[in-house]
Amino acid sequence: MSHLLHIDSSIRGEHSVSRRLTARAAAAWLAAHPGGTVTRRDLGRQPLPHVDEASGLARMTPPDQHTPEQRRSWELTEELVAEVKRADTVLLGLPLYNYGAPSSVKSWVDLLIAPGLSHDPATGAGLLGEREFVVLASRGGGYGAGTPREGWDHAEPWLAHVLSVTGLAPRFIAAELTLAPAVPAMAELIPLHEESLAAAERSIDELWAPAVV
């Protein structure tokens, strides 16, 4: 039976564009996989702990030598890795906060990366590959080629680079200028925002659509 891991990270609740996109993608996935099951993880509402001394050392210490604090952190990592391994498809909502990923996503990544669980320290091989990983990104401004803030989106390249260690290869679908409807100074950009959002929605609808022959 097909299984989906659906992760959100926005702190904007019902106003979140990334949540809107992941909900659309999850519905499309379920329509294409009748009987499929879904696991939800909401990093925006139930954030994971940031890596601290105990959790950091848990990744450098043999499990049979863990302190109780290190063991608790390692067990959380085992849980997160198992969630990914159970999934045929992983959806991640990724809003852009202060030009980077939400700190909750950073915590998820930091805890996910662990020798022997998500990557092989002897060979360097990632252990979480061979599954679909779709990232639904939302950006309040515009960061494309030729824009004044080209290159200011540090979330997308960071996520792709850091998760390459695990074998996860993200496919990004993004909606930009999401603040245009709410910020008067950006009002003239509303048509561009609507165009970007519509394009993202079309890309989502095409993800698992039957092939036309």
N, C-alpha and C. Protein backbone atom coordinates (compact mmCIF):
# COMPACT_ATOMS: atom_id res chain seq x y z
N MET A 1 0.84 -1.20 0.00
CA MET A 1 0.00 0.00 0.00
C MET A 1 0.87 1.25 0.00
N SER A 2 0.54 2.22 -0.84
CA SER A 2 1.32 3.45 -0.95
C SER A 2 1.14 4.30 0.31
N HIS A 3 2.21 5.01 0.67
CA HIS A 3 2.17 5.81 1.89
C HIS A 3 2.79 7.19 1.64
N LEU A 4 2.14 8.20 2.18
CA LEU A 4 2.57 9.59 2.03
C LEU A 4 2.95 10.17 3.38
N LEU A 5 4.09 10.85 3.44
CA LEU A 5 4.47 11.64 4.62
C LEU A 5 4.26 13.11 4.27
N HIS A 6 3.34 13.75 4.97
CA HIS A 6 2.92 15.13 4.71
C HIS A 6 3.42 16.01 5.85
N ILE A 7 4.37 16.91 5.53
CA ILE A 7 5.00 17.76 6.55
C ILE A 7 4.70 19.22 6.24
N ASP A 8 4.19 19.94 7.24
CA ASP A 8 4.02 21.38 7.14
C ASP A 8 4.93 22.07 8.14
N SER A 9 5.26 23.33 7.84
CA SER A 9 6.15 24.06 8.75
C SER A 9 5.74 25.52 8.94
N SER A 10 4.73 25.96 8.22
CA SER A 10 4.32 27.37 8.32
C SER A 10 3.74 27.69 9.69
N ILE A 11 3.97 28.92 10.14
CA ILE A 11 3.39 29.40 11.40
C ILE A 11 2.20 30.33 11.14
N ARG A 12 1.70 30.38 9.89
CA ARG A 12 0.66 31.32 9.53
C ARG A 12 -0.74 30.70 9.49
N GLY A 13 -0.86 29.46 9.92
CA GLY A 13 -2.17 28.85 10.01
C GLY A 13 -2.93 28.88 8.70
N GLU A 14 -4.22 29.28 8.76
CA GLU A 14 -5.08 29.25 7.58
C GLU A 14 -4.66 30.26 6.52
N HIS A 15 -3.77 31.19 6.88
CA HIS A 15 -3.29 32.19 5.92
C HIS A 15 -2.07 31.70 5.14
N SER A 16 -1.61 30.51 5.44
CA SER A 16 -0.37 30.00 4.86
C SER A 16 -0.56 29.54 3.42
N VAL A 17 0.28 30.04 2.54
CA VAL A 17 0.26 29.57 1.15
C VAL A 17 0.90 28.20 1.04
N SER A 18 1.96 27.96 1.78
CA SER A 18 2.61 26.64 1.68
C SER A 18 1.68 25.54 2.17
N ARG A 19 0.88 25.82 3.21
CA ARG A 19 -0.10 24.82 3.67
C ARG A 19 -1.17 24.60 2.60
N ARG A 20 -1.57 25.64 1.94
CA ARG A 20 -2.54 25.50 0.85
C ARG A 20 -1.98 24.61 -0.24
N LEU A 21 -0.71 24.79 -0.56
CA LEU A 21 -0.09 23.98 -1.61
C LEU A 21 0.09 22.52 -1.19
N THR A 22 0.51 22.29 0.06
CA THR A 22 0.68 20.89 0.49
C THR A 22 -0.67 20.19 0.59
N ALA A 23 -1.71 20.91 1.01
CA ALA A 23 -3.04 20.30 1.07
C ALA A 23 -3.51 19.89 -0.33
N ARG A 24 -3.26 20.76 -1.30
CA ARG A 24 -3.64 20.44 -2.68
C ARG A 24 -2.86 19.22 -3.17
N ALA A 25 -1.56 19.19 -2.87
CA ALA A 25 -0.73 18.07 -3.30
C ALA A 25 -1.15 16.77 -2.62
N ALA A 26 -1.45 16.83 -1.33
CA ALA A 26 -1.88 15.62 -0.62
C ALA A 26 -3.18 15.09 -1.21
N ALA A 27 -4.12 15.99 -1.54
CA ALA A 27 -5.38 15.56 -2.15
C ALA A 27 -5.14 14.93 -3.52
N ALA A 28 -4.23 15.51 -4.30
CA ALA A 28 -3.92 14.96 -5.61
C ALA A 28 -3.26 13.59 -5.48
N TRP A 29 -2.38 13.46 -4.50
CA TRP A 29 -1.71 12.18 -4.27
C TRP A 29 -2.71 11.10 -3.89
N LEU A 30 -3.63 11.43 -2.98
CA LEU A 30 -4.63 10.45 -2.55
C LEU A 30 -5.55 10.06 -3.69
N ALA A 31 -5.89 11.02 -4.55
CA ALA A 31 -6.73 10.70 -5.70
C ALA A 31 -6.03 9.74 -6.64
N ALA A 32 -4.71 9.85 -6.73
CA ALA A 32 -3.93 8.99 -7.63
C ALA A 32 -3.54 7.67 -6.98
N HIS A 33 -3.70 7.57 -5.65
CA HIS A 33 -3.32 6.36 -4.92
C HIS A 33 -4.48 5.92 -4.04
N PRO A 34 -5.57 5.42 -4.62
CA PRO A 34 -6.72 4.97 -3.82
C PRO A 34 -6.29 3.95 -2.77
N GLY A 35 -6.73 4.18 -1.55
CA GLY A 35 -6.35 3.28 -0.47
C GLY A 35 -5.02 3.64 0.17
N GLY A 36 -4.33 4.67 -0.36
CA GLY A 36 -3.06 5.09 0.22
C GLY A 36 -3.25 5.66 1.62
N THR A 37 -2.21 5.62 2.40
CA THR A 37 -2.26 6.11 3.78
C THR A 37 -1.34 7.32 3.93
N VAL A 38 -1.61 8.12 4.96
CA VAL A 38 -0.90 9.38 5.15
C VAL A 38 -0.45 9.51 6.60
N THR A 39 0.78 9.93 6.79
CA THR A 39 1.29 10.35 8.10
C THR A 39 1.49 11.85 8.05
N ARG A 40 1.00 12.55 9.06
CA ARG A 40 1.16 14.00 9.14
C ARG A 40 2.18 14.36 10.20
N ARG A 41 3.01 15.35 9.90
CA ARG A 41 3.89 15.96 10.90
C ARG A 41 3.82 17.46 10.69
N ASP A 42 3.46 18.19 11.74
CA ASP A 42 3.29 19.63 11.65
C ASP A 42 4.37 20.32 12.47
N LEU A 43 5.43 20.72 11.79
CA LEU A 43 6.56 21.35 12.47
C LEU A 43 6.23 22.77 12.92
N GLY A 44 5.25 23.42 12.26
CA GLY A 44 4.89 24.76 12.65
C GLY A 44 4.10 24.81 13.95
N ARG A 45 3.30 23.76 14.20
CA ARG A 45 2.47 23.72 15.39
C ARG A 45 3.07 22.86 16.51
N GLN A 46 3.86 21.88 16.12
CA GLN A 46 4.52 21.01 17.10
C GLN A 46 6.00 20.88 16.70
N PRO A 47 6.78 21.93 16.95
CA PRO A 47 8.19 21.91 16.51
C PRO A 47 9.01 20.87 17.26
N LEU A 48 10.01 20.38 16.56
CA LEU A 48 10.97 19.47 17.17
C LEU A 48 12.00 20.26 17.96
N PRO A 49 12.66 19.63 18.92
CA PRO A 49 13.70 20.34 19.68
C PRO A 49 14.90 20.64 18.79
N HIS A 50 15.52 21.78 19.05
CA HIS A 50 16.75 22.10 18.35
C HIS A 50 17.87 21.20 18.86
N VAL A 51 18.85 20.97 18.01
CA VAL A 51 19.99 20.16 18.41
C VAL A 51 20.81 20.90 19.46
N ASP A 52 21.07 20.24 20.57
CA ASP A 52 21.88 20.81 21.64
C ASP A 52 23.06 19.88 21.92
N GLU A 53 23.71 20.09 23.04
CA GLU A 53 24.90 19.29 23.33
C GLU A 53 24.59 17.80 23.39
N ALA A 54 23.52 17.45 24.09
CA ALA A 54 23.19 16.03 24.24
C ALA A 54 22.84 15.40 22.90
N SER A 55 22.00 16.07 22.12
CA SER A 55 21.58 15.49 20.86
C SER A 55 22.72 15.48 19.85
N GLY A 56 23.58 16.49 19.89
CA GLY A 56 24.73 16.50 19.01
C GLY A 56 25.69 15.37 19.32
N LEU A 57 25.98 15.17 20.59
CA LEU A 57 26.89 14.09 20.97
C LEU A 57 26.30 12.71 20.74
N ALA A 58 24.96 12.63 20.71
CA ALA A 58 24.32 11.34 20.44
C ALA A 58 24.70 10.81 19.07
N ARG A 59 25.04 11.71 18.15
CA ARG A 59 25.42 11.31 16.81
C ARG A 59 26.91 10.97 16.69
N MET A 60 27.64 11.21 17.76
CA MET A 60 29.08 10.95 17.76
C MET A 60 29.47 9.86 18.76
N THR A 61 28.46 9.28 19.41
CA THR A 61 28.69 8.29 20.46
C THR A 61 27.98 6.99 20.12
N PRO A 62 28.64 5.86 20.27
CA PRO A 62 27.95 4.58 20.01
C PRO A 62 26.67 4.48 20.83
N PRO A 63 25.58 3.99 20.24
CA PRO A 63 24.31 3.92 20.96
C PRO A 63 24.37 3.22 22.30
N ASP A 64 25.24 2.18 22.42
CA ASP A 64 25.30 1.47 23.70
C ASP A 64 26.02 2.28 24.79
N GLN A 65 26.55 3.47 24.41
CA GLN A 65 27.21 4.33 25.39
C GLN A 65 26.43 5.63 25.63
N HIS A 66 25.21 5.72 25.10
CA HIS A 66 24.42 6.94 25.26
C HIS A 66 24.02 7.19 26.70
N THR A 67 24.05 8.47 27.06
CA THR A 67 23.43 8.89 28.31
C THR A 67 21.91 8.86 28.11
N PRO A 68 21.12 8.96 29.19
CA PRO A 68 19.66 9.00 29.00
C PRO A 68 19.21 10.12 28.08
N GLU A 69 19.84 11.30 28.17
CA GLU A 69 19.47 12.43 27.30
C GLU A 69 19.82 12.13 25.85
N GLN A 70 21.00 11.56 25.63
CA GLN A 70 21.41 11.21 24.27
C GLN A 70 20.50 10.13 23.70
N ARG A 71 20.10 9.18 24.52
CA ARG A 71 19.23 8.11 24.05
C ARG A 71 17.88 8.66 23.60
N ARG A 72 17.32 9.61 24.35
CA ARG A 72 16.03 10.20 23.98
C ARG A 72 16.13 10.90 22.63
N SER A 73 17.23 11.61 22.40
CA SER A 73 17.41 12.29 21.12
C SER A 73 17.57 11.28 19.99
N TRP A 74 18.33 10.22 20.25
CA TRP A 74 18.54 9.20 19.22
C TRP A 74 17.24 8.49 18.88
N GLU A 75 16.40 8.25 19.88
CA GLU A 75 15.11 7.61 19.62
C GLU A 75 14.21 8.51 18.78
N LEU A 76 14.30 9.83 18.98
CA LEU A 76 13.54 10.75 18.15
C LEU A 76 14.04 10.70 16.71
N THR A 77 15.34 10.64 16.53
CA THR A 77 15.90 10.50 15.18
C THR A 77 15.44 9.21 14.53
N GLU A 78 15.44 8.12 15.29
CA GLU A 78 14.95 6.84 14.76
C GLU A 78 13.50 6.97 14.30
N GLU A 79 12.69 7.70 15.05
CA GLU A 79 11.29 7.91 14.69
C GLU A 79 11.17 8.70 13.39
N LEU A 80 11.96 9.78 13.27
CA LEU A 80 11.89 10.62 12.07
C LEU A 80 12.38 9.87 10.83
N VAL A 81 13.45 9.13 10.97
CA VAL A 81 13.96 8.35 9.84
C VAL A 81 12.95 7.28 9.43
N ALA A 82 12.33 6.64 10.42
CA ALA A 82 11.34 5.60 10.11
C ALA A 82 10.16 6.19 9.36
N GLU A 83 9.75 7.42 9.71
CA GLU A 83 8.66 8.06 8.99
C GLU A 83 8.99 8.23 7.52
N VAL A 84 10.21 8.66 7.24
CA VAL A 84 10.62 8.85 5.85
C VAL A 84 10.72 7.50 5.14
N LYS A 85 11.28 6.51 5.79
CA LYS A 85 11.47 5.21 5.15
C LYS A 85 10.14 4.52 4.85
N ARG A 86 9.11 4.79 5.65
CA ARG A 86 7.80 4.19 5.38
C ARG A 86 7.12 4.82 4.17
N ALA A 87 7.55 6.03 3.81
CA ALA A 87 6.85 6.79 2.78
C ALA A 87 7.36 6.47 1.38
N ASP A 88 6.42 6.39 0.44
CA ASP A 88 6.77 6.37 -0.97
C ASP A 88 6.97 7.79 -1.49
N THR A 89 6.23 8.73 -0.89
CA THR A 89 6.33 10.14 -1.25
C THR A 89 6.38 10.97 0.02
N VAL A 90 7.26 11.98 0.03
CA VAL A 90 7.35 12.93 1.13
C VAL A 90 6.99 14.30 0.57
N LEU A 91 6.02 14.97 1.21
CA LEU A 91 5.67 16.35 0.89
C LEU A 91 6.16 17.25 2.01
N LEU A 92 6.83 18.33 1.67
CA LEU A 92 7.29 19.30 2.67
C LEU A 92 6.87 20.70 2.27
N GLY A 93 6.12 21.37 3.12
CA GLY A 93 5.81 22.77 2.92
C GLY A 93 6.95 23.62 3.45
N LEU A 94 7.47 24.50 2.59
CA LEU A 94 8.67 25.26 2.95
C LEU A 94 8.47 26.76 2.70
N PRO A 95 7.93 27.49 3.67
CA PRO A 95 7.89 28.94 3.53
C PRO A 95 9.28 29.53 3.71
N LEU A 96 9.48 30.72 3.18
CA LEU A 96 10.77 31.41 3.31
C LEU A 96 10.66 32.44 4.42
N TYR A 97 11.43 32.27 5.48
CA TYR A 97 11.43 33.19 6.61
C TYR A 97 12.81 33.86 6.71
N ASN A 98 12.81 35.17 6.60
CA ASN A 98 14.07 35.92 6.71
C ASN A 98 15.14 35.34 5.77
N TYR A 99 14.69 35.01 4.56
CA TYR A 99 15.56 34.53 3.47
C TYR A 99 16.11 33.13 3.69
N GLY A 100 15.56 32.41 4.66
CA GLY A 100 16.02 31.05 4.91
C GLY A 100 14.86 30.15 5.28
N ALA A 101 15.18 28.90 5.56
CA ALA A 101 14.16 27.94 5.97
C ALA A 101 13.71 28.22 7.40
N PRO A 102 12.48 27.89 7.75
CA PRO A 102 12.06 28.00 9.15
C PRO A 102 12.99 27.19 10.04
N SER A 103 13.21 27.68 11.25
CA SER A 103 14.10 26.96 12.17
C SER A 103 13.56 25.57 12.48
N SER A 104 12.24 25.39 12.39
CA SER A 104 11.67 24.07 12.64
C SER A 104 12.10 23.06 11.57
N VAL A 105 12.25 23.53 10.34
CA VAL A 105 12.73 22.64 9.27
C VAL A 105 14.21 22.33 9.49
N LYS A 106 14.97 23.33 9.94
CA LYS A 106 16.38 23.09 10.26
C LYS A 106 16.51 22.02 11.34
N SER A 107 15.64 22.07 12.35
CA SER A 107 15.68 21.05 13.41
C SER A 107 15.36 19.68 12.84
N TRP A 108 14.35 19.61 11.97
CA TRP A 108 13.98 18.32 11.37
C TRP A 108 15.16 17.75 10.60
N VAL A 109 15.82 18.59 9.81
CA VAL A 109 16.97 18.13 9.03
C VAL A 109 18.11 17.71 9.94
N ASP A 110 18.42 18.52 10.95
CA ASP A 110 19.52 18.19 11.85
C ASP A 110 19.30 16.85 12.56
N LEU A 111 18.04 16.60 12.95
CA LEU A 111 17.74 15.36 13.64
C LEU A 111 17.67 14.18 12.68
N LEU A 112 17.30 14.46 11.43
CA LEU A 112 17.18 13.40 10.43
C LEU A 112 18.53 12.84 10.01
N ILE A 113 19.54 13.67 10.03
CA ILE A 113 20.86 13.25 9.56
C ILE A 113 21.61 12.56 10.69
N ALA A 114 21.78 11.25 10.53
CA ALA A 114 22.44 10.48 11.58
C ALA A 114 23.16 9.30 10.95
N PRO A 115 24.42 9.08 11.31
CA PRO A 115 25.18 7.97 10.73
C PRO A 115 24.55 6.62 11.06
N GLY A 116 24.46 5.78 10.04
CA GLY A 116 23.90 4.46 10.23
C GLY A 116 22.40 4.40 10.06
N LEU A 117 21.73 5.55 10.14
CA LEU A 117 20.28 5.59 9.99
C LEU A 117 19.87 6.22 8.67
N SER A 118 20.40 7.41 8.38
CA SER A 118 20.02 8.09 7.14
C SER A 118 21.18 8.14 6.13
N HIS A 119 22.37 7.82 6.57
CA HIS A 119 23.51 7.72 5.65
C HIS A 119 24.53 6.74 6.21
N ASP A 120 25.27 6.14 5.30
CA ASP A 120 26.29 5.16 5.67
C ASP A 120 27.62 5.87 5.85
N PRO A 121 28.14 5.94 7.08
CA PRO A 121 29.39 6.69 7.28
C PRO A 121 30.59 6.04 6.61
N ALA A 122 30.51 4.75 6.34
CA ALA A 122 31.65 4.06 5.72
C ALA A 122 31.75 4.35 4.23
N THR A 123 30.61 4.40 3.56
CA THR A 123 30.60 4.58 2.10
C THR A 123 30.15 5.98 1.69
N GLY A 124 29.50 6.70 2.61
CA GLY A 124 28.95 8.01 2.28
C GLY A 124 27.62 7.93 1.56
N ALA A 125 27.09 6.72 1.37
CA ALA A 125 25.84 6.55 0.65
C ALA A 125 24.65 7.01 1.49
N GLY A 126 23.71 7.70 0.84
CA GLY A 126 22.47 8.05 1.51
C GLY A 126 21.56 6.84 1.60
N LEU A 127 20.79 6.75 2.69
CA LEU A 127 19.94 5.60 2.93
C LEU A 127 18.46 5.91 2.79
N LEU A 128 18.14 7.16 2.37
CA LEU A 128 16.74 7.56 2.27
C LEU A 128 16.32 7.85 0.84
N GLY A 129 17.14 7.47 -0.11
CA GLY A 129 16.80 7.70 -1.51
C GLY A 129 15.70 6.77 -1.98
N GLU A 130 15.47 6.78 -3.29
CA GLU A 130 14.47 5.91 -3.93
C GLU A 130 13.06 6.18 -3.43
N ARG A 131 12.79 7.41 -3.06
CA ARG A 131 11.42 7.82 -2.76
C ARG A 131 11.25 9.23 -3.29
N GLU A 132 10.03 9.58 -3.61
CA GLU A 132 9.72 10.89 -4.15
C GLU A 132 9.71 11.93 -3.04
N PHE A 133 10.33 13.07 -3.30
CA PHE A 133 10.40 14.14 -2.30
C PHE A 133 10.01 15.45 -2.98
N VAL A 134 8.82 15.93 -2.66
CA VAL A 134 8.29 17.14 -3.29
C VAL A 134 8.24 18.24 -2.24
N VAL A 135 8.86 19.37 -2.56
CA VAL A 135 8.90 20.52 -1.66
C VAL A 135 8.04 21.63 -2.24
N LEU A 136 7.02 22.04 -1.49
CA LEU A 136 6.12 23.10 -1.90
C LEU A 136 6.55 24.37 -1.18
N ALA A 137 7.18 25.27 -1.92
CA ALA A 137 7.78 26.46 -1.33
C ALA A 137 6.89 27.69 -1.54
N SER A 138 6.92 28.59 -0.58
CA SER A 138 6.24 29.88 -0.73
C SER A 138 7.22 30.97 -0.32
N ARG A 139 7.20 32.06 -1.10
CA ARG A 139 8.13 33.16 -0.86
C ARG A 139 7.36 34.46 -0.93
N GLY A 140 7.50 35.27 0.10
CA GLY A 140 6.76 36.53 0.15
C GLY A 140 7.14 37.50 -0.94
N GLY A 141 8.40 37.46 -1.36
CA GLY A 141 8.89 38.35 -2.42
C GLY A 141 9.23 37.57 -3.67
N GLY A 142 9.98 38.23 -4.54
CA GLY A 142 10.44 37.60 -5.77
C GLY A 142 11.94 37.45 -5.76
N TYR A 143 12.43 36.28 -6.09
CA TYR A 143 13.87 36.00 -5.98
C TYR A 143 14.44 35.38 -7.25
N GLY A 144 13.71 35.48 -8.34
CA GLY A 144 14.15 34.88 -9.58
C GLY A 144 15.25 35.67 -10.27
N ALA A 145 15.72 35.12 -11.38
CA ALA A 145 16.79 35.76 -12.16
C ALA A 145 16.36 37.15 -12.59
N GLY A 146 17.24 38.10 -12.36
CA GLY A 146 16.99 39.48 -12.78
C GLY A 146 16.24 40.33 -11.78
N THR A 147 15.77 39.73 -10.70
CA THR A 147 15.07 40.52 -9.67
C THR A 147 16.10 41.17 -8.74
N PRO A 148 15.70 42.23 -8.03
CA PRO A 148 16.65 42.89 -7.12
C PRO A 148 17.21 41.97 -6.04
N ARG A 149 16.44 40.94 -5.67
CA ARG A 149 16.90 40.03 -4.62
C ARG A 149 17.19 38.64 -5.16
N GLU A 150 17.64 38.59 -6.37
CA GLU A 150 18.08 37.31 -6.92
C GLU A 150 19.17 36.71 -6.03
N GLY A 151 19.00 35.44 -5.68
CA GLY A 151 19.98 34.76 -4.84
C GLY A 151 19.76 34.91 -3.35
N TRP A 152 18.73 35.67 -2.96
CA TRP A 152 18.47 35.86 -1.52
C TRP A 152 17.68 34.71 -0.91
N ASP A 153 17.12 33.84 -1.73
CA ASP A 153 16.44 32.66 -1.20
C ASP A 153 17.50 31.62 -0.86
N HIS A 154 17.79 31.50 0.44
CA HIS A 154 18.81 30.55 0.87
C HIS A 154 18.23 29.21 1.31
N ALA A 155 16.89 29.10 1.32
CA ALA A 155 16.27 27.86 1.78
C ALA A 155 16.39 26.74 0.76
N GLU A 156 16.09 27.05 -0.49
CA GLU A 156 16.07 25.99 -1.51
C GLU A 156 17.44 25.37 -1.74
N PRO A 157 18.50 26.17 -1.98
CA PRO A 157 19.81 25.51 -2.19
C PRO A 157 20.31 24.79 -0.95
N TRP A 158 20.04 25.38 0.22
CA TRP A 158 20.48 24.73 1.47
C TRP A 158 19.85 23.36 1.63
N LEU A 159 18.52 23.29 1.43
CA LEU A 159 17.82 22.03 1.63
C LEU A 159 18.32 20.97 0.66
N ALA A 160 18.48 21.35 -0.60
CA ALA A 160 18.95 20.38 -1.59
C ALA A 160 20.34 19.87 -1.25
N HIS A 161 21.22 20.78 -0.82
CA HIS A 161 22.59 20.38 -0.51
C HIS A 161 22.66 19.49 0.72
N VAL A 162 22.00 19.91 1.79
CA VAL A 162 22.16 19.19 3.06
C VAL A 162 21.51 17.82 2.99
N LEU A 163 20.35 17.70 2.33
CA LEU A 163 19.68 16.41 2.29
C LEU A 163 20.28 15.46 1.27
N SER A 164 21.17 15.96 0.42
CA SER A 164 21.85 15.06 -0.51
C SER A 164 22.64 13.99 0.25
N VAL A 165 23.04 14.30 1.47
CA VAL A 165 23.74 13.32 2.30
C VAL A 165 22.88 12.09 2.53
N THR A 166 21.56 12.29 2.62
CA THR A 166 20.65 11.19 2.93
C THR A 166 20.15 10.47 1.68
N GLY A 167 20.39 11.04 0.52
CA GLY A 167 19.87 10.47 -0.71
C GLY A 167 18.55 11.08 -1.15
N LEU A 168 17.94 11.90 -0.31
CA LEU A 168 16.70 12.58 -0.69
C LEU A 168 17.02 13.68 -1.70
N ALA A 169 16.29 13.67 -2.82
CA ALA A 169 16.50 14.66 -3.88
C ALA A 169 15.21 15.43 -4.09
N PRO A 170 15.12 16.65 -3.58
CA PRO A 170 13.86 17.38 -3.64
C PRO A 170 13.52 17.90 -5.03
N ARG A 171 12.24 17.86 -5.34
CA ARG A 171 11.69 18.58 -6.49
C ARG A 171 10.94 19.78 -5.94
N PHE A 172 11.32 20.97 -6.35
CA PHE A 172 10.74 22.19 -5.80
C PHE A 172 9.64 22.73 -6.72
N ILE A 173 8.53 23.09 -6.10
CA ILE A 173 7.46 23.82 -6.75
C ILE A 173 7.19 25.04 -5.88
N ALA A 174 7.30 26.24 -6.46
CA ALA A 174 7.25 27.45 -5.63
C ALA A 174 6.22 28.44 -6.12
N ALA A 175 5.61 29.12 -5.16
CA ALA A 175 4.76 30.28 -5.42
C ALA A 175 5.45 31.50 -4.82
N GLU A 176 5.62 32.54 -5.62
CA GLU A 176 6.33 33.73 -5.16
C GLU A 176 5.38 34.92 -4.99
N LEU A 177 5.93 35.96 -4.37
CA LEU A 177 5.21 37.23 -4.18
C LEU A 177 3.93 37.03 -3.38
N THR A 178 3.96 36.12 -2.42
CA THR A 178 2.75 35.79 -1.68
C THR A 178 2.30 36.90 -0.74
N LEU A 179 3.18 37.87 -0.48
CA LEU A 179 2.80 39.00 0.37
C LEU A 179 2.11 40.11 -0.41
N ALA A 180 2.11 40.02 -1.72
CA ALA A 180 1.56 41.10 -2.54
C ALA A 180 0.12 41.46 -2.19
N PRO A 181 -0.78 40.48 -1.94
CA PRO A 181 -2.15 40.84 -1.63
C PRO A 181 -2.31 41.54 -0.28
N ALA A 182 -1.32 41.39 0.61
CA ALA A 182 -1.45 41.93 1.96
C ALA A 182 -0.63 43.19 2.21
N VAL A 183 0.33 43.49 1.34
CA VAL A 183 1.23 44.62 1.54
C VAL A 183 0.91 45.69 0.49
N PRO A 184 0.38 46.85 0.91
CA PRO A 184 -0.01 47.87 -0.07
C PRO A 184 1.10 48.26 -1.04
N ALA A 185 2.34 48.32 -0.55
CA ALA A 185 3.45 48.72 -1.42
C ALA A 185 3.71 47.70 -2.52
N MET A 186 3.16 46.48 -2.37
CA MET A 186 3.38 45.43 -3.37
C MET A 186 2.14 45.22 -4.24
N ALA A 187 1.16 46.10 -4.14
CA ALA A 187 -0.11 45.88 -4.83
C ALA A 187 0.05 45.67 -6.34
N GLU A 188 0.98 46.37 -6.94
CA GLU A 188 1.15 46.25 -8.39
C GLU A 188 1.70 44.87 -8.80
N LEU A 189 2.18 44.12 -7.79
CA LEU A 189 2.73 42.80 -8.07
C LEU A 189 1.71 41.68 -7.92
N ILE A 190 0.48 42.03 -7.55
CA ILE A 190 -0.55 41.01 -7.35
C ILE A 190 -0.75 40.15 -8.60
N PRO A 191 -0.82 40.72 -9.81
CA PRO A 191 -0.97 39.85 -10.99
C PRO A 191 0.17 38.84 -11.14
N LEU A 192 1.39 39.26 -10.84
CA LEU A 192 2.52 38.33 -10.92
C LEU A 192 2.41 37.24 -9.86
N HIS A 193 1.93 37.62 -8.66
CA HIS A 193 1.72 36.62 -7.62
C HIS A 193 0.68 35.61 -8.06
N GLU A 194 -0.43 36.09 -8.59
CA GLU A 194 -1.50 35.19 -9.02
C GLU A 194 -1.02 34.25 -10.12
N GLU A 195 -0.19 34.78 -11.01
CA GLU A 195 0.38 33.95 -12.08
C GLU A 195 1.29 32.87 -11.51
N SER A 196 2.12 33.26 -10.53
CA SER A 196 3.04 32.31 -9.92
C SER A 196 2.28 31.23 -9.15
N LEU A 197 1.26 31.64 -8.41
CA LEU A 197 0.47 30.67 -7.65
C LEU A 197 -0.26 29.71 -8.57
N ALA A 198 -0.84 30.24 -9.65
CA ALA A 198 -1.55 29.37 -10.60
C ALA A 198 -0.59 28.37 -11.25
N ALA A 199 0.62 28.81 -11.56
CA ALA A 199 1.61 27.91 -12.16
C ALA A 199 2.00 26.81 -11.18
N ALA A 200 2.15 27.18 -9.89
CA ALA A 200 2.48 26.17 -8.88
C ALA A 200 1.35 25.16 -8.75
N GLU A 201 0.12 25.63 -8.76
CA GLU A 201 -1.02 24.73 -8.64
C GLU A 201 -1.11 23.79 -9.85
N ARG A 202 -0.82 24.31 -11.03
CA ARG A 202 -0.82 23.44 -12.22
C ARG A 202 0.25 22.36 -12.11
N SER A 203 1.42 22.76 -11.64
CA SER A 203 2.50 21.78 -11.49
C SER A 203 2.13 20.70 -10.49
N ILE A 204 1.45 21.08 -9.42
CA ILE A 204 0.99 20.10 -8.43
C ILE A 204 -0.01 19.14 -9.07
N ASP A 205 -0.96 19.70 -9.81
CA ASP A 205 -2.00 18.87 -10.43
C ASP A 205 -1.42 17.87 -11.43
N GLU A 206 -0.27 18.19 -11.98
CA GLU A 206 0.36 17.32 -12.98
C GLU A 206 1.25 16.24 -12.35
N LEU A 207 1.53 16.34 -11.05
CA LEU A 207 2.50 15.44 -10.41
C LEU A 207 2.13 13.97 -10.59
N TRP A 208 0.88 13.64 -10.31
CA TRP A 208 0.45 12.24 -10.35
C TRP A 208 -0.71 12.03 -11.33
N ALA A 209 -0.87 12.97 -12.26
CA ALA A 209 -1.92 12.84 -13.26
C ALA A 209 -1.59 11.69 -14.20
N PRO A 210 -2.61 10.96 -14.65
CA PRO A 210 -2.34 9.86 -15.59
C PRO A 210 -1.70 10.38 -16.87
N ALA A 211 -0.76 9.62 -17.38
CA ALA A 211 -0.09 10.00 -18.62
C ALA A 211 -1.08 9.95 -19.78
N VAL A 212 -1.02 10.93 -20.64
CA VAL A 212 -1.87 10.97 -21.83
C VAL A 212 -1.11 10.35 -22.99
N VAL A 213 -1.68 9.31 -23.58
CA VAL A 213 -1.01 8.63 -24.68
C VAL A 213 -1.88 8.67 -25.93
